Amino acid sequence: MARINLLPWREQLREERKQRFLVTLAGVFIVAAGAVFLGDQYLNSAIEQQTARNEFIRKEIAVLDARIKEISELKTRRQQLLERMKIIQDLQGNRPIIGRVFDQLVRTLPDGVHFTGVKMTAKNVAIVGAAESNNRVSNLMRNLDASEWLTAPNLTEVKSVTAGAVDQANVFQLSVQQTQPALAAEEAKQ
């Protein structure tokens, strides 16, 4: 006889398939949720690492900026010290020259002439004085021109002043350039 299966096998098969589908769907959902969670954790970790790197770089930049500022200040201070050293060296080098210039002023001073004021500005010497006559002023100018340490005398003013009933003096102003004998010889050769 033929066997007829009256059990609802199709419904059982459908239920089994539905159960497998739901289990598979739940598994895929759990795996997807896990993947999203792990991806989120990975990205958050990468962002935190990059933020930490950026913060480290900012700190190092601040340290380097401070060093750059310090180096700049040191360079400025060094430049100031070098300028001071140069001024001191110039003063030390010019010390004997000033003595020589005053010695030459005394040596070139003829009788009957005296200085009432001497002012030295850089290489220019301004002289104010009095002489008994114009010839004495001329002698002074010739002597200054012949000096090794002084050159280019320039008479600015000569006035005749009466000091009393008998005395008469000529007040003069002149300027002369201070030079060094070696420099004067080199300029003469050129």
C-alpha atoms as a PDB file:
ATOM      1  CA  MET A   1       0.000   0.000   0.000  1.00  0.00           C
ATOM      2  CA  ALA A   2       1.053   3.458  -0.618  1.00  0.00           C
ATOM      3  CA  ARG A   3       2.346   5.381   2.229  1.00  0.00           C
ATOM      4  CA  ILE A   4       0.884   8.771   2.679  1.00  0.00           C
ATOM      5  CA  ASN A   5       2.514  11.156   5.047  1.00  0.00           C
ATOM      6  CA  LEU A   6      -0.146  13.203   6.687  1.00  0.00           C
ATOM      7  CA  LEU A   7       2.178  15.094   8.976  1.00  0.00           C
ATOM      8  CA  PRO A   8       2.530  18.788   8.208  1.00  0.00           C
ATOM      9  CA  TRP A   9       6.097  18.432   6.981  1.00  0.00           C
ATOM     10  CA  ARG A  10       5.941  21.450   4.762  1.00  0.00           C
ATOM     11  CA  GLU A  11       5.081  23.663   7.667  1.00  0.00           C
ATOM     12  CA  GLN A  12       7.887  22.135   9.695  1.00  0.00           C
ATOM     13  CA  LEU A  13      10.312  22.743   6.845  1.00  0.00           C
ATOM     14  CA  ARG A  14       9.080  26.301   6.580  1.00  0.00           C
ATOM     15  CA  GLU A  15       9.494  26.747  10.337  1.00  0.00           C
ATOM     16  CA  GLU A  16      12.999  25.288  10.216  1.00  0.00           C
ATOM     17  CA  ARG A  17      13.951  27.596   7.363  1.00  0.00           C
ATOM     18  CA  LYS A  18      12.432  30.526   9.212  1.00  0.00           C
ATOM     19  CA  GLN A  19      14.381  29.568  12.347  1.00  0.00           C
ATOM     20  CA  ARG A  20      17.639  29.234  10.383  1.00  0.00           C
ATOM     21  CA  PHE A  21      16.970  32.589   8.709  1.00  0.00           C
ATOM     22  CA  LEU A  22      16.326  34.305  12.045  1.00  0.00           C
ATOM     23  CA  VAL A  23      19.448  32.729  13.589  1.00  0.00           C
ATOM     24  CA  THR A  24      21.509  33.739  10.558  1.00  0.00           C
ATOM     25  CA  LEU A  25      19.983  37.235  10.647  1.00  0.00           C
ATOM     26  CA  ALA A  26      20.761  37.560  14.362  1.00  0.00           C
ATOM     27  CA  GLY A  27      24.316  36.288  13.743  1.00  0.00           C
ATOM     28  CA  VAL A  28      24.856  38.764  10.905  1.00  0.00           C
ATOM     29  CA  PHE A  29      23.411  41.559  13.055  1.00  0.00           C
ATOM     30  CA  ILE A  30      25.696  40.641  15.959  1.00  0.00           C
ATOM     31  CA  VAL A  31      28.733  40.415  13.655  1.00  0.00           C
ATOM     32  CA  ALA A  32      27.812  43.742  11.997  1.00  0.00           C
ATOM     33  CA  ALA A  33      27.270  45.416  15.381  1.00  0.00           C
ATOM     34  CA  GLY A  34      30.611  44.001  16.565  1.00  0.00           C
ATOM     35  CA  ALA A  35      32.322  45.250  13.389  1.00  0.00           C
ATOM     36  CA  VAL A  36      30.800  48.722  13.832  1.00  0.00           C
ATOM     37  CA  PHE A  37      31.831  48.761  17.498  1.00  0.00           C
ATOM     38  CA  LEU A  38      35.380  47.647  16.688  1.00  0.00           C
ATOM     39  CA  GLY A  39      35.599  50.185  13.836  1.00  0.00           C
ATOM     40  CA  ASP A  40      34.389  52.932  16.172  1.00  0.00           C
ATOM     41  CA  GLN A  41      36.928  51.902  18.809  1.00  0.00           C
ATOM     42  CA  TYR A  42      39.710  51.832  16.220  1.00  0.00           C
ATOM     43  CA  LEU A  43      38.811  55.286  14.868  1.00  0.00           C
ATOM     44  CA  ASN A  44      38.518  56.751  18.384  1.00  0.00           C
ATOM     45  CA  SER A  45      41.908  55.278  19.247  1.00  0.00           C
ATOM     46  CA  ALA A  46      43.444  56.699  16.047  1.00  0.00           C
ATOM     47  CA  ILE A  47      41.908  60.130  16.771  1.00  0.00           C
ATOM     48  CA  GLU A  48      43.262  60.076  20.339  1.00  0.00           C
ATOM     49  CA  GLN A  49      46.724  59.113  19.094  1.00  0.00           C
ATOM     50  CA  GLN A  50      46.699  61.899  16.502  1.00  0.00           C
ATOM     51  CA  THR A  51      45.471  64.386  19.108  1.00  0.00           C
ATOM     52  CA  ALA A  52      48.309  63.317  21.398  1.00  0.00           C
ATOM     53  CA  ARG A  53      50.805  63.726  18.542  1.00  0.00           C
ATOM     54  CA  ASN A  54      49.417  67.167  17.713  1.00  0.00           C
ATOM     55  CA  GLU A  55      49.657  68.222  21.360  1.00  0.00           C
ATOM     56  CA  PHE A  56      53.253  66.962  21.534  1.00  0.00           C
ATOM     57  CA  ILE A  57      54.098  68.918  18.375  1.00  0.00           C
ATOM     58  CA  ARG A  58      52.464  72.071  19.825  1.00  0.00           C
ATOM     59  CA  LYS A  59      54.543  71.720  22.993  1.00  0.00           C
ATOM     60  CA  GLU A  60      57.741  71.205  21.002  1.00  0.00           C
ATOM     61  CA  ILE A  61      56.913  74.209  18.801  1.00  0.00           C
ATOM     62  CA  ALA A  62      56.428  76.319  21.939  1.00  0.00           C
ATOM     63  CA  VAL A  63      59.797  75.118  23.276  1.00  0.00           C
ATOM     64  CA  LEU A  64      61.484  75.880  19.948  1.00  0.00           C
ATOM     65  CA  ASP A  65      59.811  79.318  19.781  1.00  0.00           C
ATOM     66  CA  ALA A  66      61.182  80.063  23.249  1.00  0.00           C
ATOM     67  CA  ARG A  67      64.649  78.944  22.126  1.00  0.00           C
ATOM     68  CA  ILE A  68      64.403  81.065  18.973  1.00  0.00           C
ATOM     69  CA  LYS A  69      63.419  84.082  21.067  1.00  0.00           C
ATOM     70  CA  GLU A  70      66.310  83.420  23.453  1.00  0.00           C
ATOM     71  CA  ILE A  71      68.737  83.060  20.537  1.00  0.00           C
ATOM     72  CA  SER A  72      67.435  86.293  19.030  1.00  0.00           C
ATOM     73  CA  GLU A  73      67.910  88.090  22.350  1.00  0.00           C
ATOM     74  CA  LEU A  74      71.417  86.626  22.651  1.00  0.00           C
ATOM     75  CA  LYS A  75      72.260  87.788  19.123  1.00  0.00           C
ATOM     76  CA  THR A  76      71.008  91.280  19.952  1.00  0.00           C
ATOM     77  CA  ARG A  77      73.016  91.322  23.166  1.00  0.00           C
ATOM     78  CA  ARG A  78      76.080  89.992  21.338  1.00  0.00           C
ATOM     79  CA  GLN A  79      75.741  92.743  18.729  1.00  0.00           C
ATOM     80  CA  GLN A  80      75.478  95.364  21.476  1.00  0.00           C
ATOM     81  CA  LEU A  81      78.559  93.940  23.197  1.00  0.00           C
ATOM     82  CA  LEU A  82      80.482  93.920  19.919  1.00  0.00           C
ATOM     83  CA  GLU A  83      79.527  97.555  19.335  1.00  0.00           C
ATOM     84  CA  ARG A  84      80.657  98.449  22.853  1.00  0.00           C
ATOM     85  CA  MET A  85      83.914  96.561  22.346  1.00  0.00           C
ATOM     86  CA  LYS A  86      84.502  98.427  19.084  1.00  0.00           C
ATOM     87  CA  ILE A  87      83.868 101.768  20.774  1.00  0.00           C
ATOM     88  CA  ILE A  88      86.252 100.852  23.596  1.00  0.00           C
ATOM     89  CA  GLN A  89      88.884  99.671  21.107  1.00  0.00           C
ATOM     90  CA  ASP A  90      88.486 102.898  19.134  1.00  0.00           C
ATOM     91  CA  LEU A  91      88.855 104.919  22.314  1.00  0.00           C
ATOM     92  CA  GLN A  92      91.892 102.886  23.353  1.00  0.00           C
ATOM     93  CA  GLY A  93      93.381 103.294  19.888  1.00  0.00           C
ATOM     94  CA  ASN A  94      92.633 107.031  19.789  1.00  0.00           C
ATOM     95  CA  ARG A  95      93.998 107.744  23.252  1.00  0.00           C
ATOM     96  CA  PRO A  96      97.592 108.315  22.100  1.00  0.00           C
ATOM     97  CA  ILE A  97      96.340 110.127  18.997  1.00  0.00           C
ATOM     98  CA  ILE A  98      94.515 112.720  21.089  1.00  0.00           C
ATOM     99  CA  GLY A  99      97.700 113.308  23.068  1.00  0.00           C
ATOM    100  CA  ARG A 100      99.653 113.696  19.826  1.00  0.00           C
ATOM    101  CA  VAL A 101      97.085 116.163  18.465  1.00  0.00           C
ATOM    102  CA  PHE A 102      97.331 118.331  21.570  1.00  0.00           C
ATOM    103  CA  ASP A 103     101.132 118.073  21.416  1.00  0.00           C
ATOM    104  CA  GLN A 104     101.021 119.239  17.790  1.00  0.00           C
ATOM    105  CA  LEU A 105      98.719 122.118  18.738  1.00  0.00           C
ATOM    106  CA  VAL A 106     101.293 123.250  21.310  1.00  0.00           C
ATOM    107  CA  ARG A 107     104.222 122.784  18.905  1.00  0.00           C
ATOM    108  CA  THR A 108     102.534 124.762  16.118  1.00  0.00           C
ATOM    109  CA  LEU A 109     101.556 127.646  18.402  1.00  0.00           C
ATOM    110  CA  PRO A 110     103.750 130.681  17.588  1.00  0.00           C
ATOM    111  CA  ASP A 111     104.703 133.346  20.140  1.00  0.00           C
ATOM    112  CA  GLY A 112     102.049 135.982  20.625  1.00  0.00           C
ATOM    113  CA  VAL A 113      99.137 133.557  20.041  1.00  0.00           C
ATOM    114  CA  HIS A 114      97.085 131.729  22.641  1.00  0.00           C
ATOM    115  CA  PHE A 115      94.049 129.477  22.451  1.00  0.00           C
ATOM    116  CA  THR A 116      90.928 130.273  24.450  1.00  0.00           C
ATOM    117  CA  GLY A 117      89.005 127.176  23.361  1.00  0.00           C
ATOM    118  CA  VAL A 118      89.667 123.876  21.618  1.00  0.00           C
ATOM    119  CA  LYS A 119      86.840 121.499  20.710  1.00  0.00           C
ATOM    120  CA  MET A 120      87.365 118.164  18.978  1.00  0.00           C
ATOM    121  CA  THR A 121      84.437 116.519  17.221  1.00  0.00           C
ATOM    122  CA  ALA A 122      85.328 113.257  15.472  1.00  0.00           C
ATOM    123  CA  LYS A 123      88.213 114.286  13.175  1.00  0.00           C
ATOM    124  CA  ASN A 124      87.449 118.031  13.215  1.00  0.00           C
ATOM    125  CA  VAL A 125      89.220 120.342  15.697  1.00  0.00           C
ATOM    126  CA  ALA A 126      87.633 123.770  16.248  1.00  0.00           C
ATOM    127  CA  ILE A 127      89.996 126.354  17.741  1.00  0.00           C
ATOM    128  CA  VAL A 128      89.164 129.763  19.207  1.00  0.00           C
ATOM    129  CA  GLY A 129      92.011 132.033  20.258  1.00  0.00           C
ATOM    130  CA  ALA A 130      93.629 135.441  20.280  1.00  0.00           C
ATOM    131  CA  ALA A 131      96.761 136.751  18.578  1.00  0.00           C
ATOM    132  CA  GLU A 132      98.792 139.951  18.774  1.00  0.00           C
ATOM    133  CA  SER A 133      98.571 140.472  14.999  1.00  0.00           C
ATOM    134  CA  ASN A 134      97.217 138.974  11.795  1.00  0.00           C
ATOM    135  CA  ASN A 135     100.756 137.841  10.911  1.00  0.00           C
ATOM    136  CA  ARG A 136     100.758 135.610  13.994  1.00  0.00           C
ATOM    137  CA  VAL A 137      97.473 134.033  12.848  1.00  0.00           C
ATOM    138  CA  SER A 138      99.039 133.453   9.405  1.00  0.00           C
ATOM    139  CA  ASN A 139     102.072 131.812  11.028  1.00  0.00           C
ATOM    140  CA  LEU A 140      99.732 129.576  13.039  1.00  0.00           C
ATOM    141  CA  MET A 141      97.886 128.550   9.859  1.00  0.00           C
ATOM    142  CA  ARG A 142     101.197 127.716   8.102  1.00  0.00           C
ATOM    143  CA  ASN A 143     102.415 125.734  11.103  1.00  0.00           C
ATOM    144  CA  LEU A 144      99.138 123.781  11.287  1.00  0.00           C
ATOM    145  CA  ASP A 145      99.311 123.012   7.576  1.00  0.00           C
ATOM    146  CA  ALA A 146     102.905 121.751   7.950  1.00  0.00           C
ATOM    147  CA  SER A 147     101.992 119.491  10.885  1.00  0.00           C
ATOM    148  CA  GLU A 148     101.930 115.705  10.370  1.00  0.00           C
ATOM    149  CA  TRP A 149      98.901 115.248  12.635  1.00  0.00           C
ATOM    150  CA  LEU A 150      96.802 118.206  11.445  1.00  0.00           C
ATOM    151  CA  THR A 151      95.726 119.140   7.941  1.00  0.00           C
ATOM    152  CA  ALA A 152      93.467 121.535   6.009  1.00  0.00           C
ATOM    153  CA  PRO A 153      93.331 124.534   8.366  1.00  0.00           C
ATOM    154  CA  ASN A 154      90.320 126.724   7.614  1.00  0.00           C
ATOM    155  CA  LEU A 155      90.135 130.217   9.072  1.00  0.00           C
ATOM    156  CA  THR A 156      86.529 131.058   9.858  1.00  0.00           C
ATOM    157  CA  GLU A 157      86.781 134.499  11.424  1.00  0.00           C
ATOM    158  CA  VAL A 158      89.317 137.119  12.547  1.00  0.00           C
ATOM    159  CA  LYS A 159      88.194 140.180  14.534  1.00  0.00           C
ATOM    160  CA  SER A 160      90.236 143.018  15.872  1.00  0.00           C
ATOM    161  CA  VAL A 161      89.324 143.665  19.515  1.00  0.00           C
ATOM    162  CA  THR A 162      90.613 146.482  21.698  1.00  0.00           C
ATOM    163  CA  ALA A 163      91.347 145.215  25.206  1.00  0.00           C
ATOM    164  CA  GLY A 164      92.283 148.581  26.666  1.00  0.00           C
ATOM    165  CA  ALA A 165      93.608 151.980  25.637  1.00  0.00           C
ATOM    166  CA  VAL A 166      96.921 150.524  24.451  1.00  0.00           C
ATOM    167  CA  ASP A 167      96.374 146.736  23.895  1.00  0.00           C
ATOM    168  CA  GLN A 168      94.824 145.440  20.726  1.00  0.00           C
ATOM    169  CA  ALA A 169      94.231 141.732  19.970  1.00  0.00           C
ATOM    170  CA  ASN A 170      92.933 139.777  17.024  1.00  0.00           C
ATOM    171  CA  VAL A 171      90.368 137.140  18.041  1.00  0.00           C
ATOM    172  CA  PHE A 172      90.147 134.262  15.570  1.00  0.00           C
ATOM    173  CA  GLN A 173      88.197 131.077  14.930  1.00  0.00           C
ATOM    174  CA  LEU A 174      89.558 128.293  12.788  1.00  0.00           C
ATOM    175  CA  SER A 175      89.045 124.605  12.183  1.00  0.00           C
ATOM    176  CA  VAL A 176      91.555 121.951  11.259  1.00  0.00           C
ATOM    177  CA  GLN A 177      91.228 118.262  10.376  1.00  0.00           C
ATOM    178  CA  GLN A 178      92.978 115.672  12.529  1.00  0.00           C
ATOM    179  CA  THR A 179      94.829 112.991  10.582  1.00  0.00           C
ATOM    180  CA  GLN A 180      97.469 110.357  11.189  1.00  0.00           C
ATOM    181  CA  PRO A 181     100.902 110.609   9.533  1.00  0.00           C
ATOM    182  CA  ALA A 182     100.527 107.212   7.804  1.00  0.00           C
ATOM    183  CA  LEU A 183      97.104 108.125   6.391  1.00  0.00           C
ATOM    184  CA  ALA A 184      98.331 111.542   5.238  1.00  0.00           C
ATOM    185  CA  ALA A 185     101.257 109.922   3.384  1.00  0.00           C
ATOM    186  CA  GLU A 186      98.917 107.434   1.666  1.00  0.00           C
ATOM    187  CA  GLU A 187      96.511 110.194   0.599  1.00  0.00           C
ATOM    188  CA  ALA A 188      99.413 112.255  -0.791  1.00  0.00           C
ATOM    189  CA  LYS A 189     100.565 109.287  -2.915  1.00  0.00           C
ATOM    190  CA  GLN A 190      97.126 108.869  -4.455  1.00  0.00           C
END
